[in-house]
Structure formats: C-alpha cells, structure tokens
Amino acid sequence: MFIKVKMRNHVIQHGFDQNNKEIEEKVENQEWAEKIIPISRIKSVTEKALLMDYAHGRWIYWEYEGGLASIEMKLKKAGVFL
C-alpha cells in the first residue's frame, strides 16, 4: 500500500561514528515534491516529519506538507489506521 505526500527537506541518518555521534546528511530543496511512498517504510510521524527506513540500514527524516492530521487521514483512507 502507498500514500501520496508532498515532501521537501530531509535528513539522512547514515549511522554513528567512533564517538557514537550520528552521521547525518542534510538535504534542502526549494520546492515541494509529490511522492508516492510505501506505507511499510513509515516508522514514525510527527507534526512536521516522517521517519522512514532507507536503503542499507539508514533512516531518513522527511519534512512533509499538511501536518499530522493529513497523514492520519491518508492512512485511514488506505485502511491502515484505526
């Protein structure tokens, strides 16, 4: 199952260095991009960010448009949020 979300800036968490500090890559975009994402990749949702798993054990925090209520509504329409 998939949902459509407008996303923009994101942070990729690549793991940790030898001092246990997160290794992050920040990506900033001027425009919102509409994406179709698999619901199975969503791990957590806040008012401003979607946490998703990413290739090779990495995590990605996406800024998205619409807020928590909009994601809840999309998940309800997909039949995966009760």
PDB file of N, CA and C in Angstrom:
ATOM      1  N   MET A   1       0.831  -1.176   0.000  1.00  0.00           N
ATOM      2  CA  MET A   1       0.000   0.000   0.000  1.00  0.00           C
ATOM      3  C   MET A   1       0.878   1.242   0.000  1.00  0.00           C
ATOM      4  N   PHE A   2       0.341   2.281  -0.628  1.00  0.00           N
ATOM      5  CA  PHE A   2       1.079   3.517  -0.797  1.00  0.00           C
ATOM      6  C   PHE A   2       0.191   4.714  -0.458  1.00  0.00           C
ATOM      7  N   ILE A   3       0.833   5.842  -0.113  1.00  0.00           N
ATOM      8  CA  ILE A   3       0.131   7.107   0.023  1.00  0.00           C
ATOM      9  C   ILE A   3       0.934   8.167  -0.733  1.00  0.00           C
ATOM     10  N   LYS A   4       0.248   9.227  -1.123  1.00  0.00           N
ATOM     11  CA  LYS A   4       0.896  10.338  -1.822  1.00  0.00           C
ATOM     12  C   LYS A   4       1.107  11.468  -0.821  1.00  0.00           C
ATOM     13  N   VAL A   5       2.353  11.987  -0.754  1.00  0.00           N
ATOM     14  CA  VAL A   5       2.708  13.029   0.207  1.00  0.00           C
ATOM     15  C   VAL A   5       3.607  14.048  -0.474  1.00  0.00           C
ATOM     16  N   LYS A   6       3.403  15.342  -0.187  1.00  0.00           N
ATOM     17  CA  LYS A   6       4.318  16.383  -0.659  1.00  0.00           C
ATOM     18  C   LYS A   6       5.440  16.511   0.366  1.00  0.00           C
ATOM     19  N   MET A   7       6.685  16.359  -0.106  1.00  0.00           N
ATOM     20  CA  MET A   7       7.844  16.367   0.768  1.00  0.00           C
ATOM     21  C   MET A   7       8.867  17.362   0.252  1.00  0.00           C
ATOM     22  N   ARG A   8       9.759  17.795   1.156  1.00  0.00           N
ATOM     23  CA  ARG A   8      10.762  18.770   0.738  1.00  0.00           C
ATOM     24  C   ARG A   8      12.106  18.433   1.380  1.00  0.00           C
ATOM     25  N   ASN A   9      12.487  19.132   2.410  1.00  0.00           N
ATOM     26  CA  ASN A   9      13.794  18.920   3.027  1.00  0.00           C
ATOM     27  C   ASN A   9      13.852  17.580   3.749  1.00  0.00           C
ATOM     28  N   HIS A  10      15.065  17.017   3.845  1.00  0.00           N
ATOM     29  CA  HIS A  10      15.199  15.762   4.576  1.00  0.00           C
ATOM     30  C   HIS A  10      16.602  15.611   5.149  1.00  0.00           C
ATOM     31  N   VAL A  11      16.682  14.759   6.157  1.00  0.00           N
ATOM     32  CA  VAL A  11      17.953  14.436   6.800  1.00  0.00           C
ATOM     33  C   VAL A  11      18.115  12.922   6.734  1.00  0.00           C
ATOM     34  N   ILE A  12      19.237  12.473   6.194  1.00  0.00           N
ATOM     35  CA  ILE A  12      19.535  11.045   6.125  1.00  0.00           C
ATOM     36  C   ILE A  12      20.488  10.718   7.266  1.00  0.00           C
ATOM     37  N   GLN A  13      20.122   9.772   8.098  1.00  0.00           N
ATOM     38  CA  GLN A  13      20.964   9.340   9.205  1.00  0.00           C
ATOM     39  C   GLN A  13      21.670   8.073   8.745  1.00  0.00           C
ATOM     40  N   HIS A  14      22.998   8.170   8.565  1.00  0.00           N
ATOM     41  CA  HIS A  14      23.799   7.088   7.994  1.00  0.00           C
ATOM     42  C   HIS A  14      24.363   6.127   9.031  1.00  0.00           C
ATOM     43  N   GLY A  15      24.173   6.411  10.298  1.00  0.00           N
ATOM     44  CA  GLY A  15      24.745   5.571  11.346  1.00  0.00           C
ATOM     45  C   GLY A  15      25.476   6.434  12.348  1.00  0.00           C
ATOM     46  N   PHE A  16      26.509   5.856  12.965  1.00  0.00           N
ATOM     47  CA  PHE A  16      27.226   6.546  14.025  1.00  0.00           C
ATOM     48  C   PHE A  16      28.729   6.454  13.790  1.00  0.00           C
ATOM     49  N   ASP A  17      29.454   7.498  14.234  1.00  0.00           N
ATOM     50  CA  ASP A  17      30.907   7.476  14.123  1.00  0.00           C
ATOM     51  C   ASP A  17      31.515   6.761  15.332  1.00  0.00           C
ATOM     52  N   GLN A  18      32.839   6.754  15.447  1.00  0.00           N
ATOM     53  CA  GLN A  18      33.534   6.045  16.525  1.00  0.00           C
ATOM     54  C   GLN A  18      33.234   6.645  17.908  1.00  0.00           C
ATOM     55  N   ASN A  19      32.710   7.885  17.949  1.00  0.00           N
ATOM     56  CA  ASN A  19      32.339   8.529  19.212  1.00  0.00           C
ATOM     57  C   ASN A  19      30.836   8.442  19.482  1.00  0.00           C
ATOM     58  N   ASN A  20      30.148   7.588  18.737  1.00  0.00           N
ATOM     59  CA  ASN A  20      28.714   7.376  18.861  1.00  0.00           C
ATOM     60  C   ASN A  20      27.895   8.623  18.502  1.00  0.00           C
ATOM     61  N   LYS A  21      28.455   9.489  17.653  1.00  0.00           N
ATOM     62  CA  LYS A  21      27.739  10.657  17.170  1.00  0.00           C
ATOM     63  C   LYS A  21      27.095  10.312  15.830  1.00  0.00           C
ATOM     64  N   GLU A  22      25.843  10.750  15.661  1.00  0.00           N
ATOM     65  CA  GLU A  22      25.134  10.451  14.414  1.00  0.00           C
ATOM     66  C   GLU A  22      25.846  11.065  13.214  1.00  0.00           C
ATOM     67  N   ILE A  23      25.906  10.300  12.138  1.00  0.00           N
ATOM     68  CA  ILE A  23      26.430  10.798  10.866  1.00  0.00           C
ATOM     69  C   ILE A  23      25.213  11.153  10.019  1.00  0.00           C
ATOM     70  N   GLU A  24      25.044  12.460   9.765  1.00  0.00           N
ATOM     71  CA  GLU A  24      23.860  12.933   9.066  1.00  0.00           C
ATOM     72  C   GLU A  24      24.214  13.684   7.796  1.00  0.00           C
ATOM     73  N   GLU A  25      23.324  13.563   6.828  1.00  0.00           N
ATOM     74  CA  GLU A  25      23.420  14.307   5.569  1.00  0.00           C
ATOM     75  C   GLU A  25      22.132  15.113   5.428  1.00  0.00           C
ATOM     76  N   LYS A  26      22.240  16.436   5.437  1.00  0.00           N
ATOM     77  CA  LYS A  26      21.066  17.302   5.325  1.00  0.00           C
ATOM     78  C   LYS A  26      20.890  17.739   3.878  1.00  0.00           C
ATOM     79  N   VAL A  27      19.658  17.616   3.384  1.00  0.00           N
ATOM     80  CA  VAL A  27      19.335  17.995   2.009  1.00  0.00           C
ATOM     81  C   VAL A  27      18.197  19.006   2.066  1.00  0.00           C
ATOM     82  N   GLU A  28      18.438  20.191   1.482  1.00  0.00           N
ATOM     83  CA  GLU A  28      17.406  21.230   1.452  1.00  0.00           C
ATOM     84  C   GLU A  28      16.987  21.490   0.011  1.00  0.00           C
ATOM     85  N   ASN A  29      15.686  21.516  -0.194  1.00  0.00           N
ATOM     86  CA  ASN A  29      15.110  21.755  -1.512  1.00  0.00           C
ATOM     87  C   ASN A  29      14.212  22.982  -1.452  1.00  0.00           C
ATOM     88  N   GLN A  30      14.168  23.750  -2.513  1.00  0.00           N
ATOM     89  CA  GLN A  30      13.317  24.945  -2.576  1.00  0.00           C
ATOM     90  C   GLN A  30      11.849  24.577  -2.808  1.00  0.00           C
ATOM     91  N   GLU A  31      11.621  23.548  -3.572  1.00  0.00           N
ATOM     92  CA  GLU A  31      10.264  23.178  -3.986  1.00  0.00           C
ATOM     93  C   GLU A  31       9.791  21.912  -3.279  1.00  0.00           C
ATOM     94  N   TRP A  32       8.491  21.830  -3.071  1.00  0.00           N
ATOM     95  CA  TRP A  32       7.882  20.592  -2.587  1.00  0.00           C
ATOM     96  C   TRP A  32       7.821  19.605  -3.743  1.00  0.00           C
ATOM     97  N   ALA A  33       8.045  18.336  -3.458  1.00  0.00           N
ATOM     98  CA  ALA A  33       7.945  17.287  -4.472  1.00  0.00           C
ATOM     99  C   ALA A  33       6.893  16.285  -4.010  1.00  0.00           C
ATOM    100  N   GLU A  34       5.958  15.989  -4.892  1.00  0.00           N
ATOM    101  CA  GLU A  34       4.939  15.000  -4.573  1.00  0.00           C
ATOM    102  C   GLU A  34       5.533  13.611  -4.782  1.00  0.00           C
ATOM    103  N   LYS A  35       5.420  12.768  -3.762  1.00  0.00           N
ATOM    104  CA  LYS A  35       5.989  11.422  -3.824  1.00  0.00           C
ATOM    105  C   LYS A  35       4.927  10.407  -3.441  1.00  0.00           C
ATOM    106  N   ILE A  36       5.029   9.246  -4.033  1.00  0.00           N
ATOM    107  CA  ILE A  36       4.193   8.115  -3.640  1.00  0.00           C
ATOM    108  C   ILE A  36       5.096   7.199  -2.840  1.00  0.00           C
ATOM    109  N   ILE A  37       4.762   7.023  -1.558  1.00  0.00           N
ATOM    110  CA  ILE A  37       5.639   6.267  -0.660  1.00  0.00           C
ATOM    111  C   ILE A  37       4.941   5.015  -0.128  1.00  0.00           C
ATOM    112  N   PRO A  38       5.695   3.943   0.068  1.00  0.00           N
ATOM    113  CA  PRO A  38       5.104   2.740   0.652  1.00  0.00           C
ATOM    114  C   PRO A  38       4.853   2.938   2.146  1.00  0.00           C
ATOM    115  N   ILE A  39       3.656   2.635   2.576  1.00  0.00           N
ATOM    116  CA  ILE A  39       3.292   2.773   3.984  1.00  0.00           C
ATOM    117  C   ILE A  39       4.211   1.939   4.867  1.00  0.00           C
ATOM    118  N   SER A  40       4.665   0.808   4.375  1.00  0.00           N
ATOM    119  CA  SER A  40       5.513  -0.087   5.172  1.00  0.00           C
ATOM    120  C   SER A  40       6.842   0.542   5.572  1.00  0.00           C
ATOM    121  N   ARG A  41       7.275   1.587   4.869  1.00  0.00           N
ATOM    122  CA  ARG A  41       8.544   2.249   5.203  1.00  0.00           C
ATOM    123  C   ARG A  41       8.399   3.300   6.292  1.00  0.00           C
ATOM    124  N   ILE A  42       7.167   3.720   6.593  1.00  0.00           N
ATOM    125  CA  ILE A  42       6.943   4.743   7.619  1.00  0.00           C
ATOM    126  C   ILE A  42       7.135   4.120   9.000  1.00  0.00           C
ATOM    127  N   LYS A  43       7.996   4.737   9.804  1.00  0.00           N
ATOM    128  CA  LYS A  43       8.274   4.228  11.149  1.00  0.00           C
ATOM    129  C   LYS A  43       7.670   5.107  12.230  1.00  0.00           C
ATOM    130  N   SER A  44       7.551   6.412  11.958  1.00  0.00           N
ATOM    131  CA  SER A  44       7.003   7.349  12.927  1.00  0.00           C
ATOM    132  C   SER A  44       6.584   8.612  12.197  1.00  0.00           C
ATOM    133  N   VAL A  45       5.593   9.317  12.773  1.00  0.00           N
ATOM    134  CA  VAL A  45       5.119  10.563  12.178  1.00  0.00           C
ATOM    135  C   VAL A  45       4.950  11.590  13.292  1.00  0.00           C
ATOM    136  N   THR A  46       5.470  12.799  13.068  1.00  0.00           N
ATOM    137  CA  THR A  46       5.212  13.924  13.953  1.00  0.00           C
ATOM    138  C   THR A  46       4.479  14.982  13.147  1.00  0.00           C
ATOM    139  N   GLU A  47       4.195  16.106  13.765  1.00  0.00           N
ATOM    140  CA  GLU A  47       3.500  17.194  13.079  1.00  0.00           C
ATOM    141  C   GLU A  47       4.281  17.689  11.857  1.00  0.00           C
ATOM    142  N   LYS A  48       5.623  17.567  11.887  1.00  0.00           N
ATOM    143  CA  LYS A  48       6.437  18.136  10.823  1.00  0.00           C
ATOM    144  C   LYS A  48       7.293  17.137  10.054  1.00  0.00           C
ATOM    145  N   ALA A  49       7.449  15.912  10.553  1.00  0.00           N
ATOM    146  CA  ALA A  49       8.392  14.990   9.907  1.00  0.00           C
ATOM    147  C   ALA A  49       7.867  13.563   9.863  1.00  0.00           C
ATOM    148  N   LEU A  50       8.246  12.889   8.775  1.00  0.00           N
ATOM    149  CA  LEU A  50       8.021  11.445   8.624  1.00  0.00           C
ATOM    150  C   LEU A  50       9.371  10.760   8.791  1.00  0.00           C
ATOM    151  N   LEU A  51       9.454   9.787   9.667  1.00  0.00           N
ATOM    152  CA  LEU A  51      10.661   8.967   9.791  1.00  0.00           C
ATOM    153  C   LEU A  51      10.424   7.708   8.981  1.00  0.00           C
ATOM    154  N   MET A  52      11.345   7.457   8.038  1.00  0.00           N
ATOM    155  CA  MET A  52      11.207   6.288   7.171  1.00  0.00           C
ATOM    156  C   MET A  52      12.508   5.522   7.134  1.00  0.00           C
ATOM    157  N   ASP A  53      12.407   4.203   6.939  1.00  0.00           N
ATOM    158  CA  ASP A  53      13.641   3.452   6.725  1.00  0.00           C
ATOM    159  C   ASP A  53      14.122   3.735   5.311  1.00  0.00           C
ATOM    160  N   TYR A  54      15.403   3.547   5.103  1.00  0.00           N
ATOM    161  CA  TYR A  54      16.060   3.918   3.861  1.00  0.00           C
ATOM    162  C   TYR A  54      17.027   2.800   3.505  1.00  0.00           C
ATOM    163  N   ALA A  55      17.577   2.817   2.357  1.00  0.00           N
ATOM    164  CA  ALA A  55      18.462   1.756   1.875  1.00  0.00           C
ATOM    165  C   ALA A  55      19.653   1.520   2.807  1.00  0.00           C
ATOM    166  N   HIS A  56      20.060   0.283   2.921  1.00  0.00           N
ATOM    167  CA  HIS A  56      21.271  -0.128   3.639  1.00  0.00           C
ATOM    168  C   HIS A  56      21.262   0.250   5.120  1.00  0.00           C
ATOM    169  N   GLY A  57      20.114   0.142   5.778  1.00  0.00           N
ATOM    170  CA  GLY A  57      20.029   0.381   7.210  1.00  0.00           C
ATOM    171  C   GLY A  57      20.031   1.832   7.633  1.00  0.00           C
ATOM    172  N   ARG A  58      19.881   2.732   6.699  1.00  0.00           N
ATOM    173  CA  ARG A  58      19.844   4.154   7.039  1.00  0.00           C
ATOM    174  C   ARG A  58      18.403   4.578   7.312  1.00  0.00           C
ATOM    175  N   TRP A  59      18.262   5.741   7.967  1.00  0.00           N
ATOM    176  CA  TRP A  59      16.959   6.327   8.268  1.00  0.00           C
ATOM    177  C   TRP A  59      16.881   7.693   7.607  1.00  0.00           C
ATOM    178  N   ILE A  60      15.679   8.101   7.244  1.00  0.00           N
ATOM    179  CA  ILE A  60      15.508   9.410   6.626  1.00  0.00           C
ATOM    180  C   ILE A  60      14.318  10.117   7.275  1.00  0.00           C
ATOM    181  N   TYR A  61      14.554  11.371   7.663  1.00  0.00           N
ATOM    182  CA  TYR A  61      13.520  12.229   8.245  1.00  0.00           C
ATOM    183  C   TYR A  61      13.098  13.224   7.170  1.00  0.00           C
ATOM    184  N   TRP A  62      11.848  13.116   6.705  1.00  0.00           N
ATOM    185  CA  TRP A  62      11.333  13.979   5.648  1.00  0.00           C
ATOM    186  C   TRP A  62      10.438  15.059   6.234  1.00  0.00           C
ATOM    187  N   GLU A  63      10.639  16.294   5.815  1.00  0.00           N
ATOM    188  CA  GLU A  63       9.673  17.357   6.077  1.00  0.00           C
ATOM    189  C   GLU A  63       8.527  17.132   5.088  1.00  0.00           C
ATOM    190  N   TYR A  64       7.297  17.209   5.563  1.00  0.00           N
ATOM    191  CA  TYR A  64       6.162  16.991   4.662  1.00  0.00           C
ATOM    192  C   TYR A  64       5.138  18.099   4.840  1.00  0.00           C
ATOM    193  N   GLU A  65       4.296  18.255   3.852  1.00  0.00           N
ATOM    194  CA  GLU A  65       3.274  19.297   3.853  1.00  0.00           C
ATOM    195  C   GLU A  65       1.965  18.742   4.404  1.00  0.00           C
ATOM    196  N   GLY A  66       1.318  19.508   5.266  1.00  0.00           N
ATOM    197  CA  GLY A  66      -0.040  19.157   5.670  1.00  0.00           C
ATOM    198  C   GLY A  66      -0.239  18.833   7.132  1.00  0.00           C
ATOM    199  N   GLY A  67       0.788  18.439   7.847  1.00  0.00           N
ATOM    200  CA  GLY A  67       0.646  18.150   9.267  1.00  0.00           C
ATOM    201  C   GLY A  67       0.146  16.739   9.565  1.00  0.00           C
ATOM    202  N   LEU A  68       0.161  16.436  10.833  1.00  0.00           N
ATOM    203  CA  LEU A  68      -0.168  15.093  11.320  1.00  0.00           C
ATOM    204  C   LEU A  68      -1.584  14.645  10.926  1.00  0.00           C
ATOM    205  N   ALA A  69      -2.533  15.551  11.020  1.00  0.00           N
ATOM    206  CA  ALA A  69      -3.918  15.183  10.684  1.00  0.00           C
ATOM    207  C   ALA A  69      -4.038  14.736   9.231  1.00  0.00           C
ATOM    208  N   SER A  70      -3.255  15.358   8.332  1.00  0.00           N
ATOM    209  CA  SER A  70      -3.336  14.965   6.920  1.00  0.00           C
ATOM    210  C   SER A  70      -2.790  13.554   6.700  1.00  0.00           C
ATOM    211  N   ILE A  71      -1.712  13.203   7.399  1.00  0.00           N
ATOM    212  CA  ILE A  71      -1.155  11.846   7.270  1.00  0.00           C
ATOM    213  C   ILE A  71      -2.117  10.834   7.880  1.00  0.00           C
ATOM    214  N   GLU A  72      -2.694  11.183   9.027  1.00  0.00           N
ATOM    215  CA  GLU A  72      -3.672  10.287   9.659  1.00  0.00           C
ATOM    216  C   GLU A  72      -4.836  10.010   8.704  1.00  0.00           C
ATOM    217  N   MET A  73      -5.330  11.048   8.046  1.00  0.00           N
ATOM    218  CA  MET A  73      -6.444  10.888   7.107  1.00  0.00           C
ATOM    219  C   MET A  73      -6.037   9.986   5.921  1.00  0.00           C
ATOM    220  N   LYS A  74      -4.836  10.183   5.395  1.00  0.00           N
ATOM    221  CA  LYS A  74      -4.368   9.349   4.280  1.00  0.00           C
ATOM    222  C   LYS A  74      -4.253   7.885   4.699  1.00  0.00           C
ATOM    223  N   LEU A  75      -3.745   7.642   5.923  1.00  0.00           N
ATOM    224  CA  LEU A  75      -3.617   6.276   6.411  1.00  0.00           C
ATOM    225  C   LEU A  75      -4.993   5.649   6.676  1.00  0.00           C
ATOM    226  N   LYS A  76      -5.934   6.427   7.166  1.00  0.00           N
ATOM    227  CA  LYS A  76      -7.309   5.928   7.359  1.00  0.00           C
ATOM    228  C   LYS A  76      -7.935   5.544   6.025  1.00  0.00           C
ATOM    229  N   LYS A  77      -7.747   6.397   5.015  1.00  0.00           N
ATOM    230  CA  LYS A  77      -8.301   6.100   3.681  1.00  0.00           C
ATOM    231  C   LYS A  77      -7.683   4.835   3.102  1.00  0.00           C
ATOM    232  N   ALA A  78      -6.425   4.576   3.446  1.00  0.00           N
ATOM    233  CA  ALA A  78      -5.746   3.357   2.977  1.00  0.00           C
ATOM    234  C   ALA A  78      -6.142   2.135   3.805  1.00  0.00           C
ATOM    235  N   GLY A  79      -6.888   2.373   4.904  1.00  0.00           N
ATOM    236  CA  GLY A  79      -7.346   1.258   5.728  1.00  0.00           C
ATOM    237  C   GLY A  79      -6.321   0.716   6.704  1.00  0.00           C
ATOM    238  N   VAL A  80      -5.303   1.511   7.031  1.00  0.00           N
ATOM    239  CA  VAL A  80      -4.265   1.016   7.935  1.00  0.00           C
ATOM    240  C   VAL A  80      -4.184   1.777   9.242  1.00  0.00           C
ATOM    241  N   PHE A  81      -5.098   2.718   9.458  1.00  0.00           N
ATOM    242  CA  PHE A  81      -5.123   3.495  10.705  1.00  0.00           C
ATOM    243  C   PHE A  81      -6.515   3.378  11.281  1.00  0.00           C
ATOM    244  N   LEU A  82      -6.616   2.840  12.467  1.00  0.00           N
ATOM    245  CA  LEU A  82      -7.941   2.631  13.060  1.00  0.00           C
ATOM    246  C   LEU A  82      -8.292   3.712  14.051  1.00  0.00           C
TER     247      LEU A  82
END
